[in-house]
Amino acid sequence: MVKGEWLKEGAVVIDCGINHIPDDSKANGMRVVGDVHYPSAKEKAGFITPVPGGVGPMTVAMLMENTVQSAKRFLKTYQPGKWNISYAKLKPQKPQPSVTFFRDAAIAHSFTPKSIGRLAREVGLFSEEVEPYGTTRAKVRLEALNRLKTQPNGKYLVVTG
């Protein structure tokens, strides 16, 4: 069995092993377990999958193939520091409203903001780093700052209330 001390801190563990160990509480006297010692691995692993009980070798092979394909797809699209942003088209209004308050309100209401989930993906934030509040607002967890601390600082800062 793979022990927790063999794992790197925060590792992702996908346990596809199938082993049978004696268990008097089961009708057939055997219990299905994986290849990973779960109690020690959960202390070190960032994520750990449960044992997919009752799967055969073909299912295990497909699980591993899908995991590799997903990792390749992620690495192809994730490029730290490079943003793939789609910008909204501006629609200037003519004639412009004359009173400042009405002009600002008209401009604000003429624009449909991008969803915060889409914007977060475009700037390279992971879904677990963003807590959306509705479709246009979110809190970004400090873990994102720690993850991106090696990236060069940007040139713009937008703070809205």
Foldseek 3Di string as FASTA:
>chain_A
DAFQVVDAAAAEEEFAAWDWDADPVDPVRIDTATPYPPVRNVVRHNHYDGYPPPDDPVVSVVVVVVVVVVVVVCVVPADQPDFDDDDDDQDDDPPQDDDPVVNVVVRVVVDDDQFPVVVCVRNRHDPVQWADDPGHDIDGHCVVCVVNVVPDDDDDDDDDD
